[in-house]
Amino acid sequence: MGKLIINGEDFDVADGEKILETIENAGVPIGCSNGVCGTCEVEILEGMDCLSEHNQEELDLGMEGNRRLGCQLRMKGGCVKLTY
């Protein structure tokens, strides 16, 4: 089980699970949920290594570094701190 901290609020997320539902409940705007629109862009403040790697949808939208598409991310365990 991983922990996701969004703007100071803690959420538990199962290992291997997409964080989409969790971030949506926390207020991150969600558009298409398919990695096409970029609406759910988040900034990873800590714990990048606890998330899935950048995928093609993120690369196609120019995501790099600590900018990620929330709808595409899966927890690998550990603790991730992000903001939007």
N, C-alpha and C. Protein backbone atom coordinates (compact mmCIF):
# COMPACT_ATOMS: atom_id res chain seq x y z
N MET A 1 0.85 -1.18 0.00
CA MET A 1 0.00 0.00 0.00
C MET A 1 0.89 1.24 0.00
N GLY A 2 0.58 2.16 -0.90
CA GLY A 2 1.32 3.40 -0.96
C GLY A 2 0.51 4.54 -0.37
N LYS A 3 1.20 5.64 -0.10
CA LYS A 3 0.53 6.83 0.41
C LYS A 3 0.73 7.97 -0.57
N LEU A 4 -0.37 8.63 -0.89
CA LEU A 4 -0.37 9.77 -1.80
C LEU A 4 -0.74 11.00 -0.98
N ILE A 5 0.09 12.02 -1.03
CA ILE A 5 -0.18 13.27 -0.32
C ILE A 5 -0.45 14.34 -1.37
N ILE A 6 -1.68 14.85 -1.36
CA ILE A 6 -2.10 15.85 -2.33
C ILE A 6 -2.45 17.13 -1.59
N ASN A 7 -1.64 18.15 -1.81
CA ASN A 7 -1.85 19.44 -1.14
C ASN A 7 -2.07 19.26 0.36
N GLY A 8 -1.26 18.40 0.98
CA GLY A 8 -1.29 18.20 2.42
C GLY A 8 -2.28 17.17 2.93
N GLU A 9 -3.10 16.59 2.08
CA GLU A 9 -4.08 15.58 2.50
C GLU A 9 -3.58 14.19 2.10
N ASP A 10 -3.64 13.22 3.04
CA ASP A 10 -3.13 11.86 2.82
C ASP A 10 -4.21 10.93 2.29
N PHE A 11 -3.80 10.07 1.32
CA PHE A 11 -4.68 9.05 0.75
C PHE A 11 -3.90 7.76 0.62
N ASP A 12 -4.53 6.62 0.91
CA ASP A 12 -3.92 5.31 0.68
C ASP A 12 -4.27 4.84 -0.72
N VAL A 13 -3.27 4.32 -1.42
CA VAL A 13 -3.47 3.79 -2.78
C VAL A 13 -2.76 2.44 -2.86
N ALA A 14 -3.48 1.42 -3.29
CA ALA A 14 -2.90 0.08 -3.40
C ALA A 14 -1.78 0.05 -4.44
N ASP A 15 -0.76 -0.75 -4.17
CA ASP A 15 0.34 -0.91 -5.12
C ASP A 15 -0.20 -1.41 -6.45
N GLY A 16 0.25 -0.81 -7.54
CA GLY A 16 -0.17 -1.18 -8.89
C GLY A 16 -1.44 -0.50 -9.35
N GLU A 17 -2.13 0.20 -8.46
CA GLU A 17 -3.40 0.85 -8.80
C GLU A 17 -3.16 2.22 -9.43
N LYS A 18 -4.00 2.56 -10.42
CA LYS A 18 -3.96 3.91 -10.98
C LYS A 18 -4.40 4.89 -9.91
N ILE A 19 -3.83 6.08 -9.90
CA ILE A 19 -4.19 7.08 -8.89
C ILE A 19 -5.33 7.98 -9.36
N LEU A 20 -5.88 7.72 -10.53
CA LEU A 20 -6.91 8.57 -11.14
C LEU A 20 -8.07 8.88 -10.20
N GLU A 21 -8.70 7.87 -9.64
CA GLU A 21 -9.87 8.09 -8.79
C GLU A 21 -9.49 8.90 -7.54
N THR A 22 -8.34 8.61 -6.98
CA THR A 22 -7.89 9.31 -5.78
C THR A 22 -7.66 10.79 -6.06
N ILE A 23 -6.97 11.10 -7.15
CA ILE A 23 -6.69 12.52 -7.42
C ILE A 23 -7.96 13.26 -7.82
N GLU A 24 -8.87 12.58 -8.49
CA GLU A 24 -10.14 13.21 -8.85
C GLU A 24 -10.92 13.56 -7.58
N ASN A 25 -10.98 12.64 -6.63
CA ASN A 25 -11.66 12.90 -5.36
C ASN A 25 -10.99 14.03 -4.58
N ALA A 26 -9.69 14.23 -4.80
CA ALA A 26 -8.95 15.29 -4.11
C ALA A 26 -9.08 16.64 -4.80
N GLY A 27 -9.73 16.68 -5.97
CA GLY A 27 -9.96 17.94 -6.64
C GLY A 27 -9.17 18.22 -7.90
N VAL A 28 -8.30 17.28 -8.30
CA VAL A 28 -7.56 17.47 -9.55
C VAL A 28 -8.56 17.39 -10.70
N PRO A 29 -8.56 18.39 -11.59
CA PRO A 29 -9.50 18.35 -12.72
C PRO A 29 -9.15 17.20 -13.67
N ILE A 30 -10.17 16.45 -14.06
CA ILE A 30 -9.98 15.31 -14.97
C ILE A 30 -10.80 15.58 -16.23
N GLY A 31 -10.16 15.44 -17.38
CA GLY A 31 -10.86 15.63 -18.64
C GLY A 31 -11.19 14.29 -19.26
N CYS A 32 -10.31 13.80 -20.10
CA CYS A 32 -10.59 12.61 -20.89
C CYS A 32 -10.25 11.30 -20.18
N SER A 33 -9.37 11.29 -19.23
CA SER A 33 -8.89 10.10 -18.51
C SER A 33 -8.05 9.17 -19.38
N ASN A 34 -7.71 9.60 -20.58
CA ASN A 34 -6.95 8.76 -21.51
C ASN A 34 -5.55 9.28 -21.81
N GLY A 35 -5.14 10.37 -21.19
CA GLY A 35 -3.81 10.91 -21.44
C GLY A 35 -3.71 11.73 -22.70
N VAL A 36 -4.82 12.24 -23.19
CA VAL A 36 -4.82 13.00 -24.43
C VAL A 36 -4.94 14.50 -24.20
N CYS A 37 -5.75 14.90 -23.22
CA CYS A 37 -6.07 16.33 -23.07
C CYS A 37 -5.09 17.10 -22.19
N GLY A 38 -4.44 16.45 -21.23
CA GLY A 38 -3.49 17.12 -20.36
C GLY A 38 -4.10 17.88 -19.20
N THR A 39 -5.42 17.79 -19.01
CA THR A 39 -6.10 18.52 -17.95
C THR A 39 -5.61 18.12 -16.57
N CYS A 40 -5.25 16.88 -16.37
CA CYS A 40 -4.88 16.36 -15.06
C CYS A 40 -3.39 16.46 -14.75
N GLU A 41 -2.70 17.40 -15.37
CA GLU A 41 -1.27 17.55 -15.13
C GLU A 41 -1.01 17.87 -13.66
N VAL A 42 -0.09 17.12 -13.07
CA VAL A 42 0.28 17.33 -11.68
C VAL A 42 1.80 17.51 -11.59
N GLU A 43 2.25 18.06 -10.48
CA GLU A 43 3.67 18.22 -10.21
C GLU A 43 4.04 17.30 -9.06
N ILE A 44 4.98 16.41 -9.30
CA ILE A 44 5.44 15.49 -8.26
C ILE A 44 6.51 16.21 -7.45
N LEU A 45 6.24 16.41 -6.17
CA LEU A 45 7.16 17.11 -5.28
C LEU A 45 8.14 16.16 -4.62
N GLU A 46 7.69 14.95 -4.33
CA GLU A 46 8.53 13.91 -3.72
C GLU A 46 8.01 12.54 -4.14
N GLY A 47 8.93 11.57 -4.27
CA GLY A 47 8.54 10.19 -4.50
C GLY A 47 8.34 9.78 -5.94
N MET A 48 9.00 10.44 -6.87
CA MET A 48 8.86 10.09 -8.29
C MET A 48 9.15 8.61 -8.53
N ASP A 49 10.11 8.05 -7.79
CA ASP A 49 10.48 6.65 -7.98
C ASP A 49 9.40 5.68 -7.48
N CYS A 50 8.37 6.19 -6.82
CA CYS A 50 7.27 5.36 -6.32
C CYS A 50 6.11 5.30 -7.32
N LEU A 51 6.32 5.88 -8.50
CA LEU A 51 5.28 5.93 -9.54
C LEU A 51 5.76 5.21 -10.80
N SER A 52 4.82 4.83 -11.63
CA SER A 52 5.16 4.24 -12.92
C SER A 52 5.99 5.25 -13.74
N GLU A 53 6.72 4.72 -14.69
CA GLU A 53 7.56 5.54 -15.57
C GLU A 53 6.69 6.38 -16.51
N HIS A 54 7.29 7.45 -17.07
CA HIS A 54 6.58 8.22 -18.11
C HIS A 54 6.15 7.26 -19.22
N ASN A 55 4.93 7.41 -19.69
CA ASN A 55 4.46 6.57 -20.79
C ASN A 55 4.37 7.41 -22.07
N GLN A 56 3.98 6.79 -23.15
CA GLN A 56 3.96 7.47 -24.45
C GLN A 56 3.00 8.66 -24.47
N GLU A 57 1.84 8.53 -23.82
CA GLU A 57 0.88 9.63 -23.78
C GLU A 57 1.50 10.87 -23.13
N GLU A 58 2.23 10.66 -22.04
CA GLU A 58 2.89 11.78 -21.36
C GLU A 58 3.98 12.38 -22.24
N LEU A 59 4.77 11.54 -22.86
CA LEU A 59 5.84 12.02 -23.74
C LEU A 59 5.27 12.80 -24.92
N ASP A 60 4.15 12.32 -25.47
CA ASP A 60 3.51 13.00 -26.60
C ASP A 60 3.05 14.41 -26.22
N LEU A 61 2.68 14.61 -24.95
CA LEU A 61 2.25 15.94 -24.48
C LEU A 61 3.40 16.77 -23.94
N GLY A 62 4.63 16.26 -24.05
CA GLY A 62 5.80 17.02 -23.62
C GLY A 62 6.06 16.98 -22.12
N MET A 63 5.47 16.01 -21.42
CA MET A 63 5.69 15.88 -19.98
C MET A 63 7.11 15.38 -19.77
N GLU A 64 7.82 16.02 -18.87
CA GLU A 64 9.16 15.57 -18.51
C GLU A 64 9.45 16.03 -17.09
N GLY A 65 10.51 15.52 -16.54
CA GLY A 65 10.87 15.89 -15.18
C GLY A 65 9.79 15.51 -14.20
N ASN A 66 9.40 16.46 -13.36
CA ASN A 66 8.42 16.16 -12.32
C ASN A 66 6.99 16.49 -12.73
N ARG A 67 6.74 16.85 -13.98
CA ARG A 67 5.39 17.09 -14.50
C ARG A 67 4.86 15.77 -15.06
N ARG A 68 3.66 15.38 -14.61
CA ARG A 68 3.09 14.10 -15.02
C ARG A 68 1.60 14.24 -15.28
N LEU A 69 1.03 13.28 -15.99
CA LEU A 69 -0.42 13.20 -16.18
C LEU A 69 -0.97 12.29 -15.09
N GLY A 70 -1.77 12.84 -14.20
CA GLY A 70 -2.32 12.06 -13.10
C GLY A 70 -3.11 10.85 -13.54
N CYS A 71 -3.80 10.95 -14.68
CA CYS A 71 -4.64 9.83 -15.14
C CYS A 71 -3.82 8.64 -15.61
N GLN A 72 -2.54 8.83 -15.83
CA GLN A 72 -1.70 7.76 -16.36
C GLN A 72 -0.83 7.09 -15.30
N LEU A 73 -0.82 7.62 -14.09
CA LEU A 73 0.10 7.15 -13.06
C LEU A 73 -0.43 5.96 -12.27
N ARG A 74 0.48 5.06 -11.94
CA ARG A 74 0.19 3.93 -11.06
C ARG A 74 1.18 3.98 -9.89
N MET A 75 0.67 3.65 -8.70
CA MET A 75 1.53 3.59 -7.51
C MET A 75 2.37 2.33 -7.55
N LYS A 76 3.63 2.46 -7.14
CA LYS A 76 4.51 1.30 -6.98
C LYS A 76 4.77 1.04 -5.50
N GLY A 77 4.11 1.79 -4.62
CA GLY A 77 4.36 1.69 -3.19
C GLY A 77 5.08 2.94 -2.71
N GLY A 78 5.32 3.03 -1.43
CA GLY A 78 6.03 4.17 -0.88
C GLY A 78 5.12 5.37 -0.70
N CYS A 79 5.73 6.54 -0.71
CA CYS A 79 5.00 7.78 -0.45
C CYS A 79 5.27 8.79 -1.57
N VAL A 80 4.22 9.37 -2.10
CA VAL A 80 4.32 10.36 -3.17
C VAL A 80 3.62 11.63 -2.70
N LYS A 81 4.29 12.75 -2.87
CA LYS A 81 3.71 14.05 -2.56
C LYS A 81 3.56 14.82 -3.87
N LEU A 82 2.34 15.31 -4.14
CA LEU A 82 2.12 16.05 -5.38
C LEU A 82 1.20 17.25 -5.16
N THR A 83 1.21 18.12 -6.15
CA THR A 83 0.33 19.27 -6.16
C THR A 83 -0.18 19.44 -7.58
N TYR A 84 -1.22 20.25 -7.72
CA TYR A 84 -1.79 20.51 -9.05
C TYR A 84 -2.11 21.96 -9.20
